[in-house]
C-alpha atoms as a PDB file:
ATOM      1  CA  MET A   1      43.393  54.702  50.279  1.00  0.00           C
ATOM      2  CA  PHE A   2      41.115  57.752  48.918  1.00  0.00           C
ATOM      3  CA  LEU A   3      39.852  60.731  50.401  1.00  0.00           C
ATOM      4  CA  PRO A   4      36.052  61.769  49.972  1.00  0.00           C
ATOM      5  CA  ILE A   5      35.416  64.125  47.612  1.00  0.00           C
ATOM      6  CA  ASP A   6      33.596  66.290  50.118  1.00  0.00           C
ATOM      7  CA  HIS A   7      36.160  65.776  53.000  1.00  0.00           C
ATOM      8  CA  SER A   8      36.952  69.548  52.974  1.00  0.00           C
ATOM      9  CA  ALA A   9      33.612  70.293  54.699  1.00  0.00           C
ATOM     10  CA  HIS A  10      34.723  67.920  57.489  1.00  0.00           C
ATOM     11  CA  ALA A  11      38.653  68.977  57.478  1.00  0.00           C
ATOM     12  CA  SER A  12      40.326  69.550  60.927  1.00  0.00           C
ATOM     13  CA  ASP A  13      43.638  71.482  61.833  1.00  0.00           C
ATOM     14  CA  LEU A  14      44.185  68.378  64.196  1.00  0.00           C
ATOM     15  CA  PRO A  15      47.041  66.215  63.152  1.00  0.00           C
ATOM     16  CA  ARG A  16      46.555  62.852  62.098  1.00  0.00           C
ATOM     17  CA  ASN A  17      46.741  60.149  64.786  1.00  0.00           C
ATOM     18  CA  CYS A  18      47.201  62.824  67.446  1.00  0.00           C
ATOM     19  CA  THR A  19      48.728  61.664  70.755  1.00  0.00           C
ATOM     20  CA  PHE A  20      46.965  64.293  72.802  1.00  0.00           C
ATOM     21  CA  SER A  21      43.149  64.907  73.555  1.00  0.00           C
ATOM     22  CA  GLU A  22      41.708  67.439  71.028  1.00  0.00           C
ATOM     23  CA  HIS A  23      40.693  69.667  74.136  1.00  0.00           C
ATOM     24  CA  ASP A  24      44.273  69.832  75.417  1.00  0.00           C
ATOM     25  CA  TRP A  25      45.818  69.923  72.033  1.00  0.00           C
ATOM     26  CA  ARG A  26      43.659  73.112  71.106  1.00  0.00           C
ATOM     27  CA  ILE A  27      44.901  74.573  74.375  1.00  0.00           C
ATOM     28  CA  LEU A  28      48.566  73.796  73.898  1.00  0.00           C
ATOM     29  CA  SER A  29      48.359  74.945  70.261  1.00  0.00           C
ATOM     30  CA  GLY A  30      47.923  78.616  71.597  1.00  0.00           C
ATOM     31  CA  PHE A  31      51.370  78.631  73.427  1.00  0.00           C
ATOM     32  CA  TRP A  32      55.032  79.473  72.109  1.00  0.00           C
ATOM     33  CA  HIS A  33      56.973  76.357  71.781  1.00  0.00           C
ATOM     34  CA  PRO A  34      60.760  75.925  70.983  1.00  0.00           C
ATOM     35  CA  VAL A  35      61.239  73.786  68.088  1.00  0.00           C
ATOM     36  CA  ALA A  36      65.344  74.419  67.379  1.00  0.00           C
ATOM     37  CA  PHE A  37      68.356  76.370  68.075  1.00  0.00           C
ATOM     38  CA  VAL A  38      68.936  79.197  65.667  1.00  0.00           C
ATOM     39  CA  HIS A  39      72.507  77.675  65.123  1.00  0.00           C
ATOM     40  CA  GLU A  40      70.936  74.444  63.982  1.00  0.00           C
ATOM     41  CA  VAL A  41      69.175  75.994  61.111  1.00  0.00           C
ATOM     42  CA  GLY A  42      71.765  76.018  58.054  1.00  0.00           C
ATOM     43  CA  LYS A  43      71.893  75.760  54.597  1.00  0.00           C
ATOM     44  CA  LYS A  44      69.453  72.814  54.479  1.00  0.00           C
ATOM     45  CA  PRO A  45      65.995  72.738  55.528  1.00  0.00           C
ATOM     46  CA  LEU A  46      65.417  71.443  59.120  1.00  0.00           C
ATOM     47  CA  ALA A  47      62.499  68.974  60.193  1.00  0.00           C
ATOM     48  CA  ALA A  48      60.867  69.387  63.452  1.00  0.00           C
ATOM     49  CA  ARG A  49      57.654  68.168  65.117  1.00  0.00           C
ATOM     50  CA  LEU A  50      55.415  69.934  67.485  1.00  0.00           C
ATOM     51  CA  LEU A  51      52.199  68.664  68.902  1.00  0.00           C
ATOM     52  CA  ASP A  52      52.371  66.049  66.496  1.00  0.00           C
ATOM     53  CA  VAL A  53      52.374  68.357  63.413  1.00  0.00           C
ATOM     54  CA  ASP A  54      55.557  67.853  61.303  1.00  0.00           C
ATOM     55  CA  LEU A  55      57.191  71.176  60.456  1.00  0.00           C
ATOM     56  CA  VAL A  56      59.842  72.528  58.105  1.00  0.00           C
ATOM     57  CA  ILE A  57      62.376  75.373  59.287  1.00  0.00           C
ATOM     58  CA  TRP A  58      64.453  77.077  56.931  1.00  0.00           C
ATOM     59  CA  LYS A  59      66.691  80.500  57.026  1.00  0.00           C
ATOM     60  CA  THR A  60      66.301  83.274  54.385  1.00  0.00           C
ATOM     61  CA  GLY A  61      67.658  86.881  54.505  1.00  0.00           C
ATOM     62  CA  ALA A  62      64.636  87.884  56.169  1.00  0.00           C
ATOM     63  CA  GLY A  63      65.265  85.326  58.993  1.00  0.00           C
ATOM     64  CA  VAL A  64      64.076  81.911  60.110  1.00  0.00           C
ATOM     65  CA  SER A  65      60.705  80.861  58.764  1.00  0.00           C
ATOM     66  CA  VAL A  66      58.636  77.896  59.654  1.00  0.00           C
ATOM     67  CA  ALA A  67      55.629  76.248  57.959  1.00  0.00           C
ATOM     68  CA  ARG A  68      53.832  72.908  58.039  1.00  0.00           C
ATOM     69  CA  ASP A  69      56.169  70.288  56.388  1.00  0.00           C
ATOM     70  CA  LEU A  70      53.764  70.094  53.561  1.00  0.00           C
ATOM     71  CA  CYS A  71      53.838  70.990  49.978  1.00  0.00           C
ATOM     72  CA  PRO A  72      50.431  72.262  48.746  1.00  0.00           C
ATOM     73  CA  HIS A  73      50.792  70.849  45.379  1.00  0.00           C
ATOM     74  CA  ARG A  74      51.383  67.183  46.133  1.00  0.00           C
ATOM     75  CA  GLY A  75      51.809  66.610  49.953  1.00  0.00           C
ATOM     76  CA  THR A  76      55.697  66.260  50.049  1.00  0.00           C
ATOM     77  CA  ARG A  77      57.688  66.895  52.797  1.00  0.00           C
ATOM     78  CA  LEU A  78      59.580  70.059  52.213  1.00  0.00           C
ATOM     79  CA  SER A  79      62.319  69.428  54.785  1.00  0.00           C
ATOM     80  CA  ALA A  80      63.650  66.665  52.121  1.00  0.00           C
ATOM     81  CA  GLY A  81      64.107  69.660  49.681  1.00  0.00           C
ATOM     82  CA  ARG A  82      66.655  72.354  49.482  1.00  0.00           C
ATOM     83  CA  VAL A  83      67.234  76.165  50.028  1.00  0.00           C
ATOM     84  CA  ASP A  84      68.557  78.324  47.119  1.00  0.00           C
ATOM     85  CA  GLY A  85      68.798  81.845  48.256  1.00  0.00           C
ATOM     86  CA  ASP A  86      65.778  82.939  49.844  1.00  0.00           C
ATOM     87  CA  GLN A  87      63.418  80.235  48.273  1.00  0.00           C
ATOM     88  CA  LEU A  88      62.648  76.722  49.751  1.00  0.00           C
ATOM     89  CA  ILE A  89      62.642  74.315  46.989  1.00  0.00           C
ATOM     90  CA  CYS A  90      60.173  71.222  46.951  1.00  0.00           C
ATOM     91  CA  PRO A  91      62.008  67.963  46.370  1.00  0.00           C
ATOM     92  CA  MET A  92      59.409  66.588  43.971  1.00  0.00           C
ATOM     93  CA  HIS A  93      58.622  69.115  41.499  1.00  0.00           C
ATOM     94  CA  GLY A  94      60.719  71.894  42.255  1.00  0.00           C
ATOM     95  CA  LEU A  95      58.273  74.529  43.308  1.00  0.00           C
ATOM     96  CA  HIS A  96      59.959  77.557  44.932  1.00  0.00           C
ATOM     97  CA  PHE A  97      58.353  79.297  47.944  1.00  0.00           C
ATOM     98  CA  ASN A  98      59.497  82.488  49.684  1.00  0.00           C
ATOM     99  CA  ALA A  99      60.161  83.283  53.253  1.00  0.00           C
ATOM    100  CA  ALA A 100      56.391  84.201  53.662  1.00  0.00           C
ATOM    101  CA  GLY A 101      55.464  80.609  52.155  1.00  0.00           C
ATOM    102  CA  GLN A 102      54.141  81.992  48.860  1.00  0.00           C
ATOM    103  CA  CYS A 103      54.930  79.857  45.789  1.00  0.00           C
ATOM    104  CA  THR A 104      57.056  82.002  43.583  1.00  0.00           C
ATOM    105  CA  LYS A 105      58.126  79.655  40.615  1.00  0.00           C
ATOM    106  CA  ILE A 106      56.671  76.501  39.098  1.00  0.00           C
ATOM    107  CA  PRO A 107      59.449  75.068  37.184  1.00  0.00           C
ATOM    108  CA  SER A 108      57.397  72.921  34.838  1.00  0.00           C
ATOM    109  CA  ASN A 109      55.058  75.717  33.901  1.00  0.00           C
ATOM    110  CA  PRO A 110      55.719  76.186  29.940  1.00  0.00           C
ATOM    111  CA  ASP A 111      54.910  80.147  30.341  1.00  0.00           C
ATOM    112  CA  GLN A 112      57.172  81.064  33.186  1.00  0.00           C
ATOM    113  CA  SER A 113      55.707  84.580  33.240  1.00  0.00           C
ATOM    114  CA  ALA A 114      52.092  83.304  34.122  1.00  0.00           C
ATOM    115  CA  ARG A 115      50.474  84.182  37.332  1.00  0.00           C
ATOM    116  CA  VAL A 116      50.987  81.605  40.103  1.00  0.00           C
ATOM    117  CA  SER A 117      47.664  80.744  41.846  1.00  0.00           C
ATOM    118  CA  PRO A 118      47.665  82.447  45.591  1.00  0.00           C
ATOM    119  CA  ARG A 119      46.426  79.151  46.663  1.00  0.00           C
ATOM    120  CA  LEU A 120      49.840  77.791  46.110  1.00  0.00           C
ATOM    121  CA  ARG A 121      51.290  78.830  49.547  1.00  0.00           C
ATOM    122  CA  LEU A 122      52.598  77.067  52.610  1.00  0.00           C
ATOM    123  CA  GLN A 123      50.982  77.036  56.099  1.00  0.00           C
ATOM    124  CA  SER A 124      53.166  79.320  57.477  1.00  0.00           C
ATOM    125  CA  LEU A 125      53.552  79.796  61.166  1.00  0.00           C
ATOM    126  CA  ARG A 126      54.383  82.707  63.579  1.00  0.00           C
ATOM    127  CA  VAL A 127      58.055  82.681  64.545  1.00  0.00           C
ATOM    128  CA  GLU A 128      60.292  84.197  67.086  1.00  0.00           C
ATOM    129  CA  GLU A 129      63.991  84.171  67.401  1.00  0.00           C
ATOM    130  CA  ARG A 130      65.092  84.825  70.827  1.00  0.00           C
ATOM    131  CA  TYR A 131      67.712  83.627  73.281  1.00  0.00           C
ATOM    132  CA  GLY A 132      69.185  81.571  70.211  1.00  0.00           C
ATOM    133  CA  ILE A 133      66.089  79.589  70.255  1.00  0.00           C
ATOM    134  CA  VAL A 134      63.555  79.231  67.342  1.00  0.00           C
ATOM    135  CA  TRP A 135      60.034  79.504  68.750  1.00  0.00           C
ATOM    136  CA  THR A 136      56.874  79.035  66.850  1.00  0.00           C
ATOM    137  CA  CYS A 137      53.053  78.994  67.634  1.00  0.00           C
ATOM    138  CA  LEU A 138      50.431  76.745  65.872  1.00  0.00           C
ATOM    139  CA  SER A 139      48.049  79.557  66.591  1.00  0.00           C
ATOM    140  CA  ASP A 140      47.524  82.679  64.624  1.00  0.00           C
ATOM    141  CA  THR A 141      47.206  84.471  67.833  1.00  0.00           C
ATOM    142  CA  PRO A 142      49.330  83.279  70.868  1.00  0.00           C
ATOM    143  CA  SER A 143      47.571  83.114  74.338  1.00  0.00           C
ATOM    144  CA  TRP A 144      50.636  83.405  76.522  1.00  0.00           C
ATOM    145  CA  PRO A 145      53.940  85.411  76.082  1.00  0.00           C
ATOM    146  CA  LEU A 146      57.495  83.913  75.566  1.00  0.00           C
ATOM    147  CA  PRO A 147      59.486  83.610  78.874  1.00  0.00           C
ATOM    148  CA  ASP A 148      61.678  86.616  79.940  1.00  0.00           C
ATOM    149  CA  TRP A 149      64.703  85.083  81.238  1.00  0.00           C
ATOM    150  CA  PRO A 150      67.214  87.471  83.255  1.00  0.00           C
ATOM    151  CA  GLY A 151      70.798  87.041  82.451  1.00  0.00           C
ATOM    152  CA  ILE A 152      70.181  85.003  79.249  1.00  0.00           C
ATOM    153  CA  ARG A 153      68.729  88.044  77.619  1.00  0.00           C
ATOM    154  CA  ASP A 154      71.626  90.269  78.298  1.00  0.00           C
ATOM    155  CA  GLU A 155      73.499  90.403  75.037  1.00  0.00           C
ATOM    156  CA  ALA A 156      76.926  91.193  76.861  1.00  0.00           C
ATOM    157  CA  LEU A 157      77.085  87.551  78.510  1.00  0.00           C
ATOM    158  CA  LYS A 158      78.069  84.788  76.335  1.00  0.00           C
ATOM    159  CA  LYS A 159      75.543  82.035  75.867  1.00  0.00           C
ATOM    160  CA  VAL A 160      76.181  78.167  76.160  1.00  0.00           C
ATOM    161  CA  PHE A 161      73.673  75.998  74.197  1.00  0.00           C
ATOM    162  CA  VAL A 162      73.713  72.377  75.883  1.00  0.00           C
ATOM    163  CA  PRO A 163      73.265  69.889  72.815  1.00  0.00           C
ATOM    164  CA  ALA A 164      69.372  69.330  72.266  1.00  0.00           C
ATOM    165  CA  ASN A 165      68.208  65.812  73.447  1.00  0.00           C
ATOM    166  CA  THR A 166      64.743  63.871  73.109  1.00  0.00           C
ATOM    167  CA  TRP A 167      63.170  62.198  76.214  1.00  0.00           C
ATOM    168  CA  ALA A 168      60.786  59.514  75.930  1.00  0.00           C
ATOM    169  CA  ALA A 169      58.423  61.371  78.520  1.00  0.00           C
ATOM    170  CA  ALA A 170      55.630  63.945  78.595  1.00  0.00           C
ATOM    171  CA  ALA A 171      56.950  67.550  78.525  1.00  0.00           C
ATOM    172  CA  SER A 172      54.921  68.019  81.805  1.00  0.00           C
ATOM    173  CA  ARG A 173      56.801  65.036  83.259  1.00  0.00           C
ATOM    174  CA  HIS A 174      60.089  66.640  82.569  1.00  0.00           C
ATOM    175  CA  VAL A 175      59.187  70.305  83.734  1.00  0.00           C
ATOM    176  CA  GLU A 176      57.968  68.941  86.930  1.00  0.00           C
ATOM    177  CA  ASN A 177      61.197  67.071  87.567  1.00  0.00           C
ATOM    178  CA  PHE A 178      63.200  70.002  86.459  1.00  0.00           C
ATOM    179  CA  ASN A 179      61.453  72.242  89.208  1.00  0.00           C
ATOM    180  CA  ASP A 180      61.331  69.347  91.879  1.00  0.00           C
ATOM    181  CA  VAL A 181      64.134  69.953  94.675  1.00  0.00           C
ATOM    182  CA  ALA A 182      63.714  66.953  96.950  1.00  0.00           C
ATOM    183  CA  HIS A 183      65.151  64.389  94.241  1.00  0.00           C
ATOM    184  CA  PHE A 184      68.763  66.176  94.482  1.00  0.00           C
ATOM    185  CA  PRO A 185      70.896  64.275  96.949  1.00  0.00           C
ATOM    186  CA  TRP A 186      69.024  60.911  95.651  1.00  0.00           C
ATOM    187  CA  VAL A 187      69.548  61.282  91.976  1.00  0.00           C
ATOM    188  CA  HIS A 188      72.297  63.966  91.429  1.00  0.00           C
ATOM    189  CA  THR A 189      75.086  61.954  93.131  1.00  0.00           C
ATOM    190  CA  ALA A 190      77.718  62.136  90.750  1.00  0.00           C
ATOM    191  CA  THR A 191      77.182  66.097  90.183  1.00  0.00           C
ATOM    192  CA  PHE A 192      75.812  68.492  92.743  1.00  0.00           C
ATOM    193  CA  GLY A 193      73.213  66.515  95.087  1.00  0.00           C
ATOM    194  CA  GLY A 194      73.974  67.180  98.684  1.00  0.00           C
ATOM    195  CA  SER A 195      73.668  64.947 101.755  1.00  0.00           C
ATOM    196  CA  GLU A 196      70.690  62.355 102.000  1.00  0.00           C
ATOM    197  CA  ASP A 197      70.305  63.640 105.413  1.00  0.00           C
ATOM    198  CA  ASP A 198      69.550  67.192 104.321  1.00  0.00           C
ATOM    199  CA  ARG A 199      66.147  68.338 104.889  1.00  0.00           C
ATOM    200  CA  ILE A 200      64.462  70.575 102.160  1.00  0.00           C
ATOM    201  CA  PRO A 201      63.364  73.868 104.019  1.00  0.00           C
ATOM    202  CA  HIS A 202      59.930  75.272 103.654  1.00  0.00           C
ATOM    203  CA  TYR A 203      59.565  77.276 100.678  1.00  0.00           C
ATOM    204  CA  ALA A 204      56.744  79.504  99.369  1.00  0.00           C
ATOM    205  CA  VAL A 205      55.602  79.413  95.643  1.00  0.00           C
ATOM    206  CA  HIS A 206      54.267  82.788  94.275  1.00  0.00           C
ATOM    207  CA  GLU A 207      52.307  83.442  91.017  1.00  0.00           C
ATOM    208  CA  THR A 208      53.987  85.911  88.494  1.00  0.00           C
ATOM    209  CA  PRO A 209      52.367  87.619  85.527  1.00  0.00           C
ATOM    210  CA  SER A 210      53.660  84.810  83.351  1.00  0.00           C
ATOM    211  CA  GLY A 211      54.069  81.689  85.660  1.00  0.00           C
ATOM    212  CA  LEU A 212      55.420  80.689  89.124  1.00  0.00           C
ATOM    213  CA  THR A 213      58.279  81.289  91.120  1.00  0.00           C
ATOM    214  CA  PHE A 214      60.097  80.211  94.539  1.00  0.00           C
ATOM    215  CA  ASP A 215      63.356  80.521  96.301  1.00  0.00           C
ATOM    216  CA  LEU A 216      65.249  77.745  97.974  1.00  0.00           C
ATOM    217  CA  GLU A 217      68.409  77.445 100.117  1.00  0.00           C
ATOM    218  CA  TYR A 218      70.438  74.459  99.619  1.00  0.00           C
ATOM    219  CA  ASP A 219      73.878  73.183 100.500  1.00  0.00           C
ATOM    220  CA  GLU A 220      75.334  71.815  97.225  1.00  0.00           C
ATOM    221  CA  GLY A 221      77.956  68.551  97.272  1.00  0.00           C
ATOM    222  CA  GLY A 222      81.125  69.591  95.516  1.00  0.00           C
ATOM    223  CA  ASN A 223      82.120  72.917  94.267  1.00  0.00           C
ATOM    224  CA  ARG A 224      81.068  73.510  90.654  1.00  0.00           C
ATOM    225  CA  PHE A 225      81.646  77.478  90.655  1.00  0.00           C
ATOM    226  CA  PRO A 226      84.373  79.429  88.991  1.00  0.00           C
ATOM    227  CA  ASP A 227      84.632  81.819  91.677  1.00  0.00           C
ATOM    228  CA  ASP A 228      87.984  80.688  93.460  1.00  0.00           C
ATOM    229  CA  VAL A 229      85.854  80.312  96.698  1.00  0.00           C
ATOM    230  CA  PRO A 230      87.647  77.362  98.735  1.00  0.00           C
ATOM    231  CA  GLY A 231      85.161  74.451 100.281  1.00  0.00           C
ATOM    232  CA  ASP A 232      84.083  70.756  99.533  1.00  0.00           C
ATOM    233  CA  THR A 233      80.534  72.018  99.722  1.00  0.00           C
ATOM    234  CA  ARG A 234      78.532  75.466  98.798  1.00  0.00           C
ATOM    235  CA  HIS A 235      75.588  76.993 100.338  1.00  0.00           C
ATOM    236  CA  VAL A 236      73.279  78.495  97.588  1.00  0.00           C
ATOM    237  CA  VAL A 237      70.310  80.110  97.099  1.00  0.00           C
ATOM    238  CA  TYR A 238      68.061  78.825  93.802  1.00  0.00           C
ATOM    239  CA  THR A 239      65.609  80.989  92.326  1.00  0.00           C
ATOM    240  CA  TYR A 240      63.151  79.186  90.015  1.00  0.00           C
ATOM    241  CA  GLU A 241      61.108  80.956  87.478  1.00  0.00           C
ATOM    242  CA  LEU A 242      58.716  79.250  85.284  1.00  0.00           C
ATOM    243  CA  THR A 243      56.560  80.282  82.628  1.00  0.00           C
ATOM    244  CA  PHE A 244      53.639  78.219  81.407  1.00  0.00           C
ATOM    245  CA  PRO A 245      53.527  75.920  80.294  1.00  0.00           C
ATOM    246  CA  PHE A 246      57.089  74.449  79.994  1.00  0.00           C
ATOM    247  CA  SER A 247      59.729  77.034  80.382  1.00  0.00           C
ATOM    248  CA  THR A 248      61.985  77.458  83.358  1.00  0.00           C
ATOM    249  CA  ILE A 249      64.973  79.407  84.352  1.00  0.00           C
ATOM    250  CA  ILE A 250      66.833  78.795  87.430  1.00  0.00           C
ATOM    251  CA  ILE A 251      69.336  81.617  89.108  1.00  0.00           C
ATOM    252  CA  ILE A 252      71.973  80.155  90.977  1.00  0.00           C
ATOM    253  CA  ARG A 253      73.496  82.351  93.558  1.00  0.00           C
ATOM    254  CA  PRO A 254      76.261  81.210  95.907  1.00  0.00           C
ATOM    255  CA  ASN A 255      75.775  82.809  99.304  1.00  0.00           C
ATOM    256  CA  ASP A 256      79.443  83.794  99.784  1.00  0.00           C
ATOM    257  CA  SER A 257      80.450  85.039  96.221  1.00  0.00           C
ATOM    258  CA  TRP A 258      79.661  87.474  93.408  1.00  0.00           C
ATOM    259  CA  TYR A 259      79.034  84.779  91.061  1.00  0.00           C
ATOM    260  CA  VAL A 260      75.394  84.069  89.391  1.00  0.00           C
ATOM    261  CA  GLN A 261      74.666  81.247  87.193  1.00  0.00           C
ATOM    262  CA  TYR A 262      71.558  81.535  84.738  1.00  0.00           C
ATOM    263  CA  PHE A 263      70.252  78.173  83.483  1.00  0.00           C
ATOM    264  CA  ALA A 264      67.344  78.111  81.420  1.00  0.00           C
ATOM    265  CA  ASP A 265      65.476  74.892  80.085  1.00  0.00           C
ATOM    266  CA  THR A 266      62.374  74.793  77.773  1.00  0.00           C
ATOM    267  CA  VAL A 267      60.866  71.913  76.118  1.00  0.00           C
ATOM    268  CA  CYS A 268      59.004  70.985  72.728  1.00  0.00           C
ATOM    269  CA  PRO A 269      56.266  68.740  73.166  1.00  0.00           C
ATOM    270  CA  VAL A 270      56.993  66.606  70.239  1.00  0.00           C
ATOM    271  CA  SER A 271      54.139  64.419  70.947  1.00  0.00           C
ATOM    272  CA  ALA A 272      52.179  63.445  74.316  1.00  0.00           C
ATOM    273  CA  HIS A 273      55.194  61.081  75.314  1.00  0.00           C
ATOM    274  CA  GLU A 274      58.148  62.732  73.424  1.00  0.00           C
ATOM    275  CA  THR A 275      59.769  66.070  74.634  1.00  0.00           C
ATOM    276  CA  ARG A 276      62.752  67.624  72.925  1.00  0.00           C
ATOM    277  CA  ILE A 277      64.857  69.487  75.642  1.00  0.00           C
ATOM    278  CA  PHE A 278      66.582  72.832  75.026  1.00  0.00           C
ATOM    279  CA  GLN A 279      68.824  74.524  77.497  1.00  0.00           C
ATOM    280  CA  VAL A 280      70.821  77.877  77.450  1.00  0.00           C
ATOM    281  CA  ALA A 281      73.229  78.899  80.181  1.00  0.00           C
ATOM    282  CA  THR A 282      75.451  81.844  81.117  1.00  0.00           C
ATOM    283  CA  ASP A 283      76.917  83.402  84.026  1.00  0.00           C
ATOM    284  CA  THR A 284      78.341  86.757  85.623  1.00  0.00           C
ATOM    285  CA  THR A 285      81.702  85.826  84.422  1.00  0.00           C
ATOM    286  CA  GLY A 286      80.444  86.949  80.974  1.00  0.00           C
ATOM    287  CA  ALA A 287      82.382  84.142  79.334  1.00  0.00           C
ATOM    288  CA  PRO A 288      81.395  80.782  81.107  1.00  0.00           C
ATOM    289  CA  ASP A 289      83.579  77.826  80.478  1.00  0.00           C
ATOM    290  CA  GLU A 290      81.517  76.101  77.656  1.00  0.00           C
ATOM    291  CA  THR A 291      83.127  72.855  77.837  1.00  0.00           C
ATOM    292  CA  PHE A 292      82.579  72.310  81.330  1.00  0.00           C
ATOM    293  CA  LEU A 293      78.858  73.531  81.648  1.00  0.00           C
ATOM    294  CA  ILE A 294      77.886  71.470  78.557  1.00  0.00           C
ATOM    295  CA  LYS A 295      79.581  68.354  80.193  1.00  0.00           C
ATOM    296  CA  GLU A 296      77.946  68.888  83.562  1.00  0.00           C
ATOM    297  CA  SER A 297      74.548  69.797  82.223  1.00  0.00           C
ATOM    298  CA  LEU A 298      74.797  66.530  80.151  1.00  0.00           C
ATOM    299  CA  MET A 299      75.583  64.472  83.065  1.00  0.00           C
ATOM    300  CA  ILE A 300      72.872  66.019  85.349  1.00  0.00           C
ATOM    301  CA  ASN A 301      70.423  65.332  82.362  1.00  0.00           C
ATOM    302  CA  ASP A 302      71.290  61.873  82.063  1.00  0.00           C
ATOM    303  CA  GLU A 303      70.843  61.179  85.851  1.00  0.00           C
ATOM    304  CA  ASP A 304      67.332  62.591  85.353  1.00  0.00           C
ATOM    305  CA  LYS A 305      66.198  61.082  82.064  1.00  0.00           C
ATOM    306  CA  PRO A 306      65.732  57.359  82.890  1.00  0.00           C
ATOM    307  CA  LEU A 307      63.784  57.905  85.910  1.00  0.00           C
ATOM    308  CA  VAL A 308      61.483  60.577  84.147  1.00  0.00           C
ATOM    309  CA  GLU A 309      61.172  58.213  81.066  1.00  0.00           C
ATOM    310  CA  ASN A 310      59.989  55.576  83.414  1.00  0.00           C
ATOM    311  CA  GLN A 311      57.415  57.339  85.527  1.00  0.00           C
ATOM    312  CA  HIS A 312      53.956  56.172  85.503  1.00  0.00           C
ATOM    313  CA  PRO A 313      51.472  56.981  84.595  1.00  0.00           C
ATOM    314  CA  GLU A 314      53.273  58.765  81.517  1.00  0.00           C
ATOM    315  CA  ASP A 315      50.887  61.311  81.717  1.00  0.00           C
ATOM    316  CA  LEU A 316      51.007  63.939  84.379  1.00  0.00           C
ATOM    317  CA  PRO A 317      48.178  63.613  86.753  1.00  0.00           C
ATOM    318  CA  LEU A 318      46.314  66.889  87.119  1.00  0.00           C
ATOM    319  CA  GLY A 319      43.811  65.571  89.967  1.00  0.00           C
ATOM    320  CA  ILE A 320      45.343  66.753  93.186  1.00  0.00           C
ATOM    321  CA  MET A 321      44.085  63.358  94.716  1.00  0.00           C
ATOM    322  CA  ASP A 322      45.500  61.439  91.975  1.00  0.00           C
ATOM    323  CA  GLU A 323      48.926  60.797  93.323  1.00  0.00           C
ATOM    324  CA  VAL A 324      50.121  61.540  97.063  1.00  0.00           C
ATOM    325  CA  HIS A 325      52.235  64.696  98.095  1.00  0.00           C
ATOM    326  CA  ILE A 326      54.978  65.626 100.314  1.00  0.00           C
ATOM    327  CA  PRO A 327      55.760  68.892 101.728  1.00  0.00           C
ATOM    328  CA  ALA A 328      58.602  69.250  99.395  1.00  0.00           C
ATOM    329  CA  ASP A 329      55.991  69.315  96.359  1.00  0.00           C
ATOM    330  CA  ARG A 330      54.663  72.554  96.743  1.00  0.00           C
ATOM    331  CA  MET A 331      55.898  73.771  93.224  1.00  0.00           C
ATOM    332  CA  SER A 332      54.417  70.665  91.603  1.00  0.00           C
ATOM    333  CA  VAL A 333      51.022  71.056  93.345  1.00  0.00           C
ATOM    334  CA  ALA A 334      51.065  74.750  92.404  1.00  0.00           C
ATOM    335  CA  TYR A 335      51.882  73.758  88.750  1.00  0.00           C
ATOM    336  CA  ARG A 336      49.337  71.038  88.425  1.00  0.00           C
ATOM    337  CA  ARG A 337      46.721  73.294  89.957  1.00  0.00           C
ATOM    338  CA  ALA A 338      47.501  76.141  87.601  1.00  0.00           C
ATOM    339  CA  LEU A 339      47.526  74.076  84.388  1.00  0.00           C
ATOM    340  CA  VAL A 340      44.066  73.215  85.365  1.00  0.00           C
ATOM    341  CA  GLU A 341      42.615  76.384  86.886  1.00  0.00           C
ATOM    342  CA  LYS A 342      44.156  78.751  84.380  1.00  0.00           C
ATOM    343  CA  PHE A 343      44.088  76.918  81.156  1.00  0.00           C
ATOM    344  CA  GLY A 344      41.692  74.094  81.448  1.00  0.00           C
ATOM    345  CA  LEU A 345      44.163  71.311  80.748  1.00  0.00           C
ATOM    346  CA  GLY A 346      43.334  67.846  81.462  1.00  0.00           C
ATOM    347  CA  ALA A 347      39.508  68.436  81.366  1.00  0.00           C
ATOM    348  CA  PRO A 348      37.176  65.155  81.709  1.00  0.00           C
ATOM    349  CA  LEU A 349      36.824  63.456  78.289  1.00  0.00           C
ATOM    350  CA  SER A 350      33.187  63.835  77.162  1.00  0.00           C
ATOM    351  CA  SER A 351      31.042  60.769  77.008  1.00  0.00           C
END
């Protein structure tokens, strides 16, 4: 019911009821994470959650701002307030905050010319707008760069934004599934999966400055590409480029065509077992069929989602001997090893 009067001496930036181990939370808080599409941030403040931390996102003339969803006056959720011009206004007492998070007005003050305490400021976060996505970092100094997505970064190519969706699964489980290739003919039977008799060829995983990459040849079932090449199946080359910890772009090249599709997937770890999915696509037509791409992407996601949500254990096993691997798992094994060896995630709990 009451905080002790000396609680500030023991205060922690770890969120209350944190679902991550403190060790993993501190590592993950150093990365950039997506929290919203730019087009979702409108005239009202937007609530989001990242690593169990509640956030408020709002737009001003200076761009998009992100802060912890907490008024420093009486702890009110600012996302329940409103935006007036360049000011975020608290719903309880009307305190005004500018794009930098500093309080600029206390409506109840009898002397409106009185100085506002500099302590009345929000816990603002670093923010970047890239690829039509709002990215933020809970740390003052990001430990890893934002993904560099070919095709998606080309301003001349129209972007298609797949409606964001939330999965009841760990972000790492989603990422591993997105980079898994052996499940195609078994899971994606209504979309692009090929024959169950097809074999996954050997592929090599390579390290990049920001993550991992590999190429894979595959015979897709159906013909989903707008290049007027006839056929009931298409031979394609997939190039996967993963940026740690949770962002991947797939570059899809039919081998008999000029056509190239770029499909990027990045996820926000809302909590340890809840993940918000953001996907952006484009192609070399310059003006992809938005209706078709969104419908197809949602169908593919719906094929994956129930399986990933029901994987056990819910947490991704990072011990290489914790699960049995097959040859097609080269990417997932490399991913798990890198999370441990490069960043120290999944360290043993201290006794």
